[in-house]
Each structure stands twice: as structure tokens, then as C-alpha cells.
Amino acid sequence: MKKIIIAFLLVLGTSVGFAQGKKGTETKTKTKTKTKTTTPATKKPTKEEVAAAKAAREKMVTEKAQALTDNMSKNLNLNFDQQQKVKKINEKSVREVELARVRYKKNLKKMNVEIQNIGASRMSLLKDVLTAAQFQTYNQKRAEKMGVQEPGESPKSPVPQQGGYDQ
């Protein structure tokens, strides 16, 4: 029995030695190593990063509000006082919309409801600042651009195309 075990170990040892001794063939081995990785979700931002992000958001809000105000001023012939009031309304609305986008990022239904509420609030504030003629012009341009129907107006149905299924 001892001779069989010794012979077996001898054959096994030579085959292992022979396999390792071959040149030109490489074997890849996997090694388990533990590495520490920090994910952005678990890492807390520094005060500087938070301040920089806040400043960037505020700059973006100001730029969007200014662009809206400039466009409205050009198309509606706003006077200086109206421009200042409209700019404040636009800044407030843009800031609230951006906050809603962040807050309800994973719940689109709530985000849409919140944005609609902000839009309705903005419209009522603009109605107080603009003259009746300016507000009517603004509403018409808005409806054309966004495809929004005015209150009391029937929904617009698409115009049938030629060559459809009915022919």
C-alpha cells in the first residue's frame, strides 16, 4: 500500500513539475484582494463643494430668469418697473421648479403636479403685473409655443392626414 501511495505522489509531483516547467504558456490566476472603495453616495461633500454647487445653481437660476425676462420685455414692451417685478417672479418660479426637480426626482407624477402648481402661481402673479393687453399677448404666445389651451377653449384635435386608414 505504501508503494502505491509513493508511486501516486511521484507521478503527481512530476506532472505538476512538468506543467510548471513549460515555457511559453502562461496561466492566469485570480486572487482575491479587498480594496476600499468609496462611492459618491456615501461620501459627504465638503463645505466648499456644497458652496460651489449652490453658487452654480443660483447662477443658473439667475441666467434663466434673466433670459425669460429679456424675452418677455422685448415681446411685450415692458416698462422698467414691470421688468423688475417680472424678473423677481421669474427667479422665484425657476428656483421653485429646480427645487421640485431635485426633490421629486424619483416621483415624476408629483414633480409634474408641483411644476404645474408653480406655473399656475406664476401666471397669477404675472397677471397682476402685466396690463390686460400684455397678458393676452403673453398667453397667446405661450399657447402657440407650448401647445397649451386657454381656459374655456375646447381641446384641439389633430387634423387628419391624407392617405390615412380611412381611404
N, C-alpha and C. Protein backbone atom coordinates (compact mmCIF):
# COMPACT_ATOMS: atom_id res chain seq x y z
N MET A 1 0.81 -1.18 0.00
CA MET A 1 0.00 0.00 0.00
C MET A 1 0.86 1.25 0.00
N LYS A 2 1.96 1.21 0.77
CA LYS A 2 2.84 2.35 0.82
C LYS A 2 3.45 2.61 -0.55
N LYS A 3 3.76 1.57 -1.29
CA LYS A 3 4.38 1.71 -2.59
C LYS A 3 3.41 2.39 -3.57
N ILE A 4 2.14 2.07 -3.47
CA ILE A 4 1.14 2.67 -4.36
C ILE A 4 1.02 4.16 -4.08
N ILE A 5 0.99 4.52 -2.81
CA ILE A 5 0.87 5.92 -2.43
C ILE A 5 2.10 6.69 -2.88
N ILE A 6 3.27 6.11 -2.69
CA ILE A 6 4.51 6.77 -3.09
C ILE A 6 4.54 6.93 -4.61
N ALA A 7 4.12 5.91 -5.34
CA ALA A 7 4.11 5.98 -6.80
C ALA A 7 3.12 7.05 -7.26
N PHE A 8 1.98 7.11 -6.62
CA PHE A 8 0.97 8.10 -6.97
C PHE A 8 1.49 9.52 -6.74
N LEU A 9 2.13 9.76 -5.60
CA LEU A 9 2.69 11.06 -5.30
C LEU A 9 3.82 11.41 -6.26
N LEU A 10 4.61 10.41 -6.63
CA LEU A 10 5.69 10.63 -7.59
C LEU A 10 5.15 11.04 -8.96
N VAL A 11 4.12 10.36 -9.43
CA VAL A 11 3.51 10.70 -10.72
C VAL A 11 2.87 12.08 -10.64
N LEU A 12 2.18 12.33 -9.56
CA LEU A 12 1.54 13.62 -9.38
C LEU A 12 2.58 14.74 -9.31
N GLY A 13 3.63 14.53 -8.58
CA GLY A 13 4.69 15.53 -8.44
C GLY A 13 5.39 15.83 -9.74
N THR A 14 5.65 14.81 -10.54
CA THR A 14 6.33 15.05 -11.82
C THR A 14 5.41 15.75 -12.81
N SER A 15 4.13 15.39 -12.78
CA SER A 15 3.22 16.06 -13.72
C SER A 15 3.04 17.53 -13.35
N VAL A 16 3.00 17.83 -12.07
CA VAL A 16 2.90 19.22 -11.63
C VAL A 16 4.17 19.96 -11.99
N GLY A 17 5.29 19.37 -11.75
CA GLY A 17 6.58 19.97 -12.10
C GLY A 17 6.70 20.17 -13.59
N PHE A 18 6.23 19.21 -14.38
CA PHE A 18 6.29 19.31 -15.83
C PHE A 18 5.39 20.45 -16.31
N ALA A 19 4.20 20.60 -15.73
CA ALA A 19 3.27 21.64 -16.14
C ALA A 19 3.83 23.02 -15.83
N GLN A 20 4.50 23.15 -14.70
CA GLN A 20 5.06 24.44 -14.33
C GLN A 20 6.34 24.74 -15.11
N GLY A 21 7.00 23.73 -15.55
CA GLY A 21 8.27 23.92 -16.24
C GLY A 21 8.12 24.31 -17.69
N LYS A 22 6.96 24.20 -18.32
CA LYS A 22 6.78 24.55 -19.72
C LYS A 22 6.94 26.05 -19.90
N LYS A 23 7.71 26.42 -20.90
CA LYS A 23 7.89 27.84 -21.21
C LYS A 23 6.95 28.22 -22.34
N GLY A 24 6.55 29.49 -22.36
CA GLY A 24 5.71 29.99 -23.43
C GLY A 24 4.23 29.92 -23.11
N THR A 25 3.86 29.20 -22.10
CA THR A 25 2.45 29.18 -21.72
C THR A 25 2.32 29.88 -20.39
N GLU A 26 1.36 30.75 -20.33
CA GLU A 26 1.11 31.50 -19.10
C GLU A 26 -0.28 31.16 -18.61
N THR A 27 -0.39 31.05 -17.34
CA THR A 27 -1.69 30.82 -16.76
C THR A 27 -2.04 32.02 -15.91
N LYS A 28 -3.30 32.36 -15.96
CA LYS A 28 -3.77 33.48 -15.17
C LYS A 28 -4.47 32.94 -13.95
N THR A 29 -4.17 33.54 -12.84
CA THR A 29 -4.83 33.13 -11.61
C THR A 29 -5.54 34.34 -11.02
N LYS A 30 -6.66 34.06 -10.44
CA LYS A 30 -7.42 35.12 -9.79
C LYS A 30 -7.04 35.15 -8.32
N THR A 31 -6.81 36.33 -7.85
CA THR A 31 -6.53 36.48 -6.43
C THR A 31 -7.58 37.39 -5.85
N LYS A 32 -7.98 37.06 -4.68
CA LYS A 32 -8.96 37.89 -4.00
C LYS A 32 -8.24 38.94 -3.18
N THR A 33 -8.52 40.19 -3.51
CA THR A 33 -7.96 41.28 -2.73
C THR A 33 -9.09 42.19 -2.31
N LYS A 34 -9.00 42.65 -1.12
CA LYS A 34 -10.01 43.57 -0.63
C LYS A 34 -9.48 44.98 -0.81
N THR A 35 -10.25 45.76 -1.54
CA THR A 35 -9.89 47.16 -1.73
C THR A 35 -11.02 48.02 -1.19
N LYS A 36 -10.63 49.10 -0.62
CA LYS A 36 -11.64 50.02 -0.10
C LYS A 36 -12.01 50.99 -1.20
N THR A 37 -13.29 51.03 -1.49
CA THR A 37 -13.77 51.98 -2.48
C THR A 37 -14.83 52.84 -1.83
N THR A 38 -14.77 54.09 -2.14
CA THR A 38 -15.80 55.00 -1.61
C THR A 38 -16.67 55.41 -2.77
N THR A 39 -17.94 55.25 -2.58
CA THR A 39 -18.88 55.64 -3.61
C THR A 39 -19.32 57.08 -3.34
N PRO A 40 -19.66 57.80 -4.39
CA PRO A 40 -20.09 59.18 -4.20
C PRO A 40 -21.31 59.32 -3.30
N ALA A 41 -22.16 58.29 -3.26
CA ALA A 41 -23.37 58.38 -2.46
C ALA A 41 -23.04 58.36 -0.96
N THR A 42 -21.98 57.66 -0.58
CA THR A 42 -21.65 57.56 0.83
C THR A 42 -20.69 58.66 1.27
N LYS A 43 -19.99 59.25 0.34
CA LYS A 43 -19.04 60.29 0.67
C LYS A 43 -19.78 61.61 0.85
N LYS A 44 -19.53 62.26 1.96
CA LYS A 44 -20.17 63.55 2.21
C LYS A 44 -19.37 64.65 1.52
N PRO A 45 -20.07 65.53 0.82
CA PRO A 45 -19.35 66.62 0.15
C PRO A 45 -18.80 67.61 1.17
N THR A 46 -17.72 68.23 0.80
CA THR A 46 -17.12 69.22 1.69
C THR A 46 -17.92 70.52 1.63
N LYS A 47 -17.63 71.40 2.56
CA LYS A 47 -18.35 72.68 2.59
C LYS A 47 -18.09 73.48 1.32
N GLU A 48 -16.87 73.37 0.80
CA GLU A 48 -16.53 74.10 -0.42
C GLU A 48 -17.33 73.56 -1.60
N GLU A 49 -17.47 72.24 -1.68
CA GLU A 49 -18.24 71.63 -2.77
C GLU A 49 -19.70 72.02 -2.70
N VAL A 50 -20.25 72.03 -1.51
CA VAL A 50 -21.65 72.43 -1.32
C VAL A 50 -21.83 73.89 -1.71
N ALA A 51 -20.91 74.73 -1.29
CA ALA A 51 -21.00 76.16 -1.61
C ALA A 51 -20.87 76.38 -3.12
N ALA A 52 -19.96 75.63 -3.76
CA ALA A 52 -19.77 75.78 -5.20
C ALA A 52 -21.02 75.31 -5.96
N ALA A 53 -21.62 74.20 -5.53
CA ALA A 53 -22.83 73.70 -6.19
C ALA A 53 -23.98 74.69 -6.01
N LYS A 54 -24.08 75.25 -4.82
CA LYS A 54 -25.15 76.22 -4.55
C LYS A 54 -24.96 77.48 -5.40
N ALA A 55 -23.72 77.94 -5.53
CA ALA A 55 -23.44 79.12 -6.34
C ALA A 55 -23.74 78.84 -7.81
N ALA A 56 -23.41 77.64 -8.29
CA ALA A 56 -23.69 77.28 -9.68
C ALA A 56 -25.18 77.22 -9.94
N ARG A 57 -25.94 76.64 -8.98
CA ARG A 57 -27.41 76.59 -9.12
C ARG A 57 -28.00 77.99 -9.14
N GLU A 58 -27.51 78.84 -8.26
CA GLU A 58 -28.04 80.20 -8.17
C GLU A 58 -27.73 80.97 -9.45
N LYS A 59 -26.53 80.76 -10.00
CA LYS A 59 -26.16 81.42 -11.25
C LYS A 59 -27.07 80.95 -12.39
N MET A 60 -27.34 79.65 -12.44
CA MET A 60 -28.20 79.10 -13.48
C MET A 60 -29.62 79.65 -13.35
N VAL A 61 -30.12 79.75 -12.13
CA VAL A 61 -31.46 80.30 -11.89
C VAL A 61 -31.51 81.75 -12.36
N THR A 62 -30.50 82.53 -12.00
CA THR A 62 -30.46 83.93 -12.38
C THR A 62 -30.41 84.09 -13.90
N GLU A 63 -29.58 83.26 -14.55
CA GLU A 63 -29.46 83.35 -16.02
C GLU A 63 -30.76 82.98 -16.72
N LYS A 64 -31.42 81.91 -16.26
CA LYS A 64 -32.69 81.51 -16.86
C LYS A 64 -33.75 82.59 -16.67
N ALA A 65 -33.82 83.11 -15.46
CA ALA A 65 -34.81 84.15 -15.16
C ALA A 65 -34.54 85.40 -15.98
N GLN A 66 -33.28 85.77 -16.15
CA GLN A 66 -32.93 86.95 -16.93
C GLN A 66 -33.30 86.74 -18.39
N ALA A 67 -33.05 85.53 -18.92
CA ALA A 67 -33.39 85.24 -20.32
C ALA A 67 -34.91 85.32 -20.52
N LEU A 68 -35.67 84.76 -19.58
CA LEU A 68 -37.13 84.85 -19.66
C LEU A 68 -37.60 86.30 -19.62
N THR A 69 -37.02 87.06 -18.71
CA THR A 69 -37.41 88.46 -18.55
C THR A 69 -37.06 89.27 -19.79
N ASP A 70 -35.87 89.04 -20.34
CA ASP A 70 -35.46 89.76 -21.55
C ASP A 70 -36.41 89.46 -22.71
N ASN A 71 -36.75 88.20 -22.86
CA ASN A 71 -37.66 87.79 -23.93
C ASN A 71 -39.04 88.43 -23.76
N MET A 72 -39.54 88.40 -22.53
CA MET A 72 -40.85 88.99 -22.26
C MET A 72 -40.80 90.51 -22.46
N SER A 73 -39.71 91.13 -22.03
CA SER A 73 -39.57 92.57 -22.18
C SER A 73 -39.57 92.98 -23.64
N LYS A 74 -38.87 92.21 -24.45
CA LYS A 74 -38.80 92.51 -25.88
C LYS A 74 -40.15 92.32 -26.56
N ASN A 75 -40.84 91.21 -26.25
CA ASN A 75 -42.09 90.89 -26.94
C ASN A 75 -43.30 91.64 -26.39
N LEU A 76 -43.24 92.07 -25.14
CA LEU A 76 -44.40 92.71 -24.53
C LEU A 76 -44.19 94.20 -24.26
N ASN A 77 -43.03 94.72 -24.60
CA ASN A 77 -42.72 96.13 -24.36
C ASN A 77 -42.94 96.52 -22.89
N LEU A 78 -42.27 95.82 -22.00
CA LEU A 78 -42.41 96.09 -20.57
C LEU A 78 -41.67 97.37 -20.20
N ASN A 79 -42.26 98.13 -19.25
CA ASN A 79 -41.54 99.30 -18.74
C ASN A 79 -40.57 98.82 -17.65
N PHE A 80 -39.75 99.73 -17.13
CA PHE A 80 -38.70 99.36 -16.18
C PHE A 80 -39.27 98.71 -14.92
N ASP A 81 -40.32 99.29 -14.38
CA ASP A 81 -40.95 98.76 -13.17
C ASP A 81 -41.48 97.34 -13.41
N GLN A 82 -42.12 97.13 -14.54
CA GLN A 82 -42.63 95.80 -14.88
C GLN A 82 -41.48 94.80 -15.04
N GLN A 83 -40.39 95.24 -15.66
CA GLN A 83 -39.24 94.36 -15.84
C GLN A 83 -38.70 93.86 -14.50
N GLN A 84 -38.60 94.75 -13.54
CA GLN A 84 -38.08 94.38 -12.22
C GLN A 84 -39.02 93.38 -11.52
N LYS A 85 -40.31 93.63 -11.60
CA LYS A 85 -41.28 92.73 -10.96
C LYS A 85 -41.32 91.37 -11.66
N VAL A 86 -41.29 91.40 -12.99
CA VAL A 86 -41.32 90.15 -13.77
C VAL A 86 -40.06 89.34 -13.50
N LYS A 87 -38.92 90.02 -13.37
CA LYS A 87 -37.67 89.31 -13.09
C LYS A 87 -37.74 88.58 -11.75
N LYS A 88 -38.29 89.23 -10.74
CA LYS A 88 -38.44 88.59 -9.43
C LYS A 88 -39.37 87.38 -9.51
N ILE A 89 -40.46 87.53 -10.25
CA ILE A 89 -41.41 86.42 -10.41
C ILE A 89 -40.72 85.26 -11.13
N ASN A 90 -39.98 85.57 -12.19
CA ASN A 90 -39.31 84.53 -12.95
C ASN A 90 -38.24 83.82 -12.11
N GLU A 91 -37.46 84.58 -11.35
CA GLU A 91 -36.44 83.97 -10.49
C GLU A 91 -37.07 83.03 -9.47
N LYS A 92 -38.15 83.50 -8.85
CA LYS A 92 -38.84 82.67 -7.86
C LYS A 92 -39.37 81.38 -8.50
N SER A 93 -39.96 81.50 -9.67
CA SER A 93 -40.54 80.34 -10.34
C SER A 93 -39.46 79.35 -10.79
N VAL A 94 -38.39 79.86 -11.38
CA VAL A 94 -37.32 78.98 -11.85
C VAL A 94 -36.68 78.27 -10.66
N ARG A 95 -36.45 78.98 -9.57
CA ARG A 95 -35.87 78.38 -8.37
C ARG A 95 -36.76 77.27 -7.82
N GLU A 96 -38.07 77.53 -7.77
CA GLU A 96 -39.00 76.52 -7.26
C GLU A 96 -39.07 75.30 -8.18
N VAL A 97 -39.02 75.52 -9.49
CA VAL A 97 -39.06 74.39 -10.44
C VAL A 97 -37.81 73.54 -10.28
N GLU A 98 -36.66 74.17 -10.17
CA GLU A 98 -35.41 73.42 -9.99
C GLU A 98 -35.42 72.63 -8.69
N LEU A 99 -35.95 73.24 -7.65
CA LEU A 99 -36.05 72.55 -6.37
C LEU A 99 -37.01 71.36 -6.47
N ALA A 100 -38.11 71.52 -7.17
CA ALA A 100 -39.06 70.42 -7.36
C ALA A 100 -38.43 69.30 -8.17
N ARG A 101 -37.63 69.64 -9.16
CA ARG A 101 -36.95 68.61 -9.96
C ARG A 101 -36.01 67.78 -9.12
N VAL A 102 -35.32 68.42 -8.20
CA VAL A 102 -34.41 67.69 -7.32
C VAL A 102 -35.19 66.89 -6.28
N ARG A 103 -36.19 67.54 -5.69
CA ARG A 103 -36.95 66.91 -4.60
C ARG A 103 -37.75 65.70 -5.08
N TYR A 104 -38.37 65.80 -6.24
CA TYR A 104 -39.24 64.72 -6.74
C TYR A 104 -38.61 64.00 -7.93
N LYS A 105 -37.30 63.85 -7.89
CA LYS A 105 -36.56 63.22 -8.98
C LYS A 105 -37.08 61.82 -9.31
N LYS A 106 -37.45 61.08 -8.29
CA LYS A 106 -37.88 59.69 -8.49
C LYS A 106 -39.40 59.53 -8.57
N ASN A 107 -40.13 60.62 -8.38
CA ASN A 107 -41.59 60.56 -8.44
C ASN A 107 -42.07 61.60 -9.46
N LEU A 108 -42.10 61.17 -10.72
CA LEU A 108 -42.42 62.10 -11.80
C LEU A 108 -43.83 62.67 -11.71
N LYS A 109 -44.74 61.86 -11.19
CA LYS A 109 -46.12 62.34 -11.07
C LYS A 109 -46.19 63.54 -10.13
N LYS A 110 -45.55 63.42 -8.97
CA LYS A 110 -45.54 64.52 -8.01
C LYS A 110 -44.79 65.73 -8.57
N MET A 111 -43.70 65.45 -9.30
CA MET A 111 -42.93 66.53 -9.89
C MET A 111 -43.78 67.32 -10.88
N ASN A 112 -44.51 66.63 -11.73
CA ASN A 112 -45.36 67.31 -12.71
C ASN A 112 -46.46 68.12 -12.05
N VAL A 113 -47.06 67.58 -11.01
CA VAL A 113 -48.11 68.32 -10.28
C VAL A 113 -47.51 69.58 -9.66
N GLU A 114 -46.35 69.43 -9.05
CA GLU A 114 -45.69 70.56 -8.40
C GLU A 114 -45.33 71.64 -9.43
N ILE A 115 -44.80 71.23 -10.58
CA ILE A 115 -44.42 72.19 -11.61
C ILE A 115 -45.65 72.89 -12.19
N GLN A 116 -46.75 72.16 -12.34
CA GLN A 116 -48.00 72.79 -12.80
C GLN A 116 -48.49 73.82 -11.80
N ASN A 117 -48.39 73.50 -10.51
CA ASN A 117 -48.79 74.46 -9.47
C ASN A 117 -47.92 75.71 -9.50
N ILE A 118 -46.63 75.51 -9.70
CA ILE A 118 -45.71 76.66 -9.79
C ILE A 118 -46.07 77.51 -11.00
N GLY A 119 -46.37 76.87 -12.12
CA GLY A 119 -46.75 77.60 -13.34
C GLY A 119 -48.03 78.38 -13.15
N ALA A 120 -49.00 77.78 -12.47
CA ALA A 120 -50.27 78.48 -12.22
C ALA A 120 -50.04 79.69 -11.32
N SER A 121 -49.21 79.51 -10.31
CA SER A 121 -48.89 80.61 -9.40
C SER A 121 -48.18 81.74 -10.16
N ARG A 122 -47.25 81.37 -11.01
CA ARG A 122 -46.52 82.35 -11.82
C ARG A 122 -47.48 83.13 -12.72
N MET A 123 -48.43 82.42 -13.33
CA MET A 123 -49.39 83.09 -14.21
C MET A 123 -50.22 84.11 -13.45
N SER A 124 -50.65 83.74 -12.26
CA SER A 124 -51.48 84.69 -11.49
C SER A 124 -50.65 85.90 -11.06
N LEU A 125 -49.37 85.69 -10.72
CA LEU A 125 -48.52 86.82 -10.36
C LEU A 125 -48.25 87.72 -11.57
N LEU A 126 -48.04 87.10 -12.73
CA LEU A 126 -47.81 87.90 -13.94
C LEU A 126 -49.05 88.69 -14.33
N LYS A 127 -50.21 88.09 -14.10
CA LYS A 127 -51.47 88.77 -14.45
C LYS A 127 -51.61 90.07 -13.66
N ASP A 128 -51.09 90.06 -12.42
CA ASP A 128 -51.15 91.27 -11.59
C ASP A 128 -50.18 92.35 -12.06
N VAL A 129 -49.07 91.95 -12.69
CA VAL A 129 -48.03 92.89 -13.09
C VAL A 129 -48.27 93.44 -14.50
N LEU A 130 -48.70 92.57 -15.41
CA LEU A 130 -48.88 92.97 -16.82
C LEU A 130 -50.23 93.65 -17.03
N THR A 131 -50.30 94.46 -18.08
CA THR A 131 -51.58 95.04 -18.45
C THR A 131 -52.42 93.94 -19.11
N ALA A 132 -53.68 94.18 -19.28
CA ALA A 132 -54.58 93.18 -19.88
C ALA A 132 -54.11 92.81 -21.28
N ALA A 133 -53.71 93.81 -22.06
CA ALA A 133 -53.26 93.56 -23.44
C ALA A 133 -51.95 92.76 -23.44
N GLN A 134 -51.04 93.13 -22.54
CA GLN A 134 -49.77 92.40 -22.45
C GLN A 134 -50.00 90.96 -22.02
N PHE A 135 -50.87 90.76 -21.05
CA PHE A 135 -51.13 89.41 -20.56
C PHE A 135 -51.78 88.56 -21.65
N GLN A 136 -52.69 89.16 -22.42
CA GLN A 136 -53.34 88.43 -23.50
C GLN A 136 -52.30 88.04 -24.56
N THR A 137 -51.42 88.95 -24.91
CA THR A 137 -50.36 88.66 -25.89
C THR A 137 -49.45 87.56 -25.35
N TYR A 138 -49.08 87.67 -24.06
CA TYR A 138 -48.23 86.65 -23.44
C TYR A 138 -48.90 85.29 -23.48
N ASN A 139 -50.18 85.25 -23.15
CA ASN A 139 -50.93 83.98 -23.14
C ASN A 139 -50.99 83.37 -24.54
N GLN A 140 -51.20 84.19 -25.55
CA GLN A 140 -51.26 83.69 -26.93
C GLN A 140 -49.92 83.11 -27.36
N LYS A 141 -48.85 83.84 -27.07
CA LYS A 141 -47.51 83.35 -27.44
C LYS A 141 -47.18 82.06 -26.69
N ARG A 142 -47.56 82.04 -25.43
CA ARG A 142 -47.32 80.84 -24.61
C ARG A 142 -48.09 79.64 -25.15
N ALA A 143 -49.33 79.87 -25.53
CA ALA A 143 -50.16 78.79 -26.06
C ALA A 143 -49.59 78.27 -27.38
N GLU A 144 -49.11 79.18 -28.23
CA GLU A 144 -48.50 78.76 -29.50
C GLU A 144 -47.24 77.94 -29.26
N LYS A 145 -46.42 78.42 -28.36
CA LYS A 145 -45.13 77.78 -28.11
C LYS A 145 -45.29 76.42 -27.41
N MET A 146 -46.15 76.37 -26.43
CA MET A 146 -46.27 75.17 -25.61
C MET A 146 -47.44 74.28 -25.99
N GLY A 147 -48.29 74.74 -26.86
CA GLY A 147 -49.46 73.95 -27.21
C GLY A 147 -50.46 73.90 -26.08
N VAL A 148 -50.49 74.93 -25.27
CA VAL A 148 -51.39 75.00 -24.12
C VAL A 148 -52.71 75.59 -24.57
N GLN A 149 -53.80 74.97 -24.14
CA GLN A 149 -55.10 75.54 -24.47
C GLN A 149 -55.51 76.51 -23.37
N GLU A 150 -56.22 77.52 -23.76
CA GLU A 150 -56.66 78.53 -22.80
C GLU A 150 -57.90 78.03 -22.08
N PRO A 151 -58.14 78.53 -20.87
CA PRO A 151 -59.33 78.09 -20.13
C PRO A 151 -60.60 78.36 -20.92
N GLY A 152 -61.50 77.38 -20.96
CA GLY A 152 -62.76 77.52 -21.66
C GLY A 152 -62.67 77.17 -23.13
N GLU A 153 -61.47 76.89 -23.61
CA GLU A 153 -61.29 76.55 -25.01
C GLU A 153 -61.39 75.04 -25.16
N SER A 154 -61.98 74.60 -26.27
CA SER A 154 -62.11 73.15 -26.46
C SER A 154 -60.75 72.57 -26.86
N PRO A 155 -60.50 71.32 -26.49
CA PRO A 155 -59.21 70.71 -26.84
C PRO A 155 -59.04 70.66 -28.35
N LYS A 156 -57.82 70.90 -28.78
CA LYS A 156 -57.52 70.90 -30.21
C LYS A 156 -57.30 69.46 -30.66
N SER A 157 -58.03 69.09 -31.72
CA SER A 157 -57.85 67.74 -32.24
C SER A 157 -56.93 67.80 -33.44
N PRO A 158 -56.14 66.76 -33.65
CA PRO A 158 -55.22 66.78 -34.78
C PRO A 158 -55.98 66.77 -36.10
N VAL A 159 -55.41 67.42 -37.09
CA VAL A 159 -56.01 67.46 -38.42
C VAL A 159 -55.72 66.14 -39.11
N PRO A 160 -56.75 65.49 -39.69
CA PRO A 160 -56.49 64.21 -40.33
C PRO A 160 -55.57 64.37 -41.53
N GLN A 161 -54.67 63.43 -41.67
CA GLN A 161 -53.72 63.44 -42.77
C GLN A 161 -54.30 62.69 -43.97
N GLN A 162 -53.91 63.07 -45.17
CA GLN A 162 -54.35 62.35 -46.35
C GLN A 162 -53.60 61.04 -46.43
N GLY A 163 -54.24 60.04 -46.99
CA GLY A 163 -53.60 58.73 -47.13
C GLY A 163 -53.66 57.92 -45.84
N GLY A 164 -54.63 58.23 -44.99
CA GLY A 164 -54.74 57.52 -43.72
C GLY A 164 -55.45 56.19 -43.90
N TYR A 165 -55.87 55.61 -42.83
CA TYR A 165 -56.52 54.31 -42.85
C TYR A 165 -57.93 54.36 -43.42
N ASP A 166 -58.57 55.51 -43.36
CA ASP A 166 -59.96 55.61 -43.82
C ASP A 166 -60.08 55.55 -45.32
N GLN A 167 -59.05 55.78 -46.06
CA GLN A 167 -59.18 55.84 -47.52
C GLN A 167 -58.78 54.56 -48.17
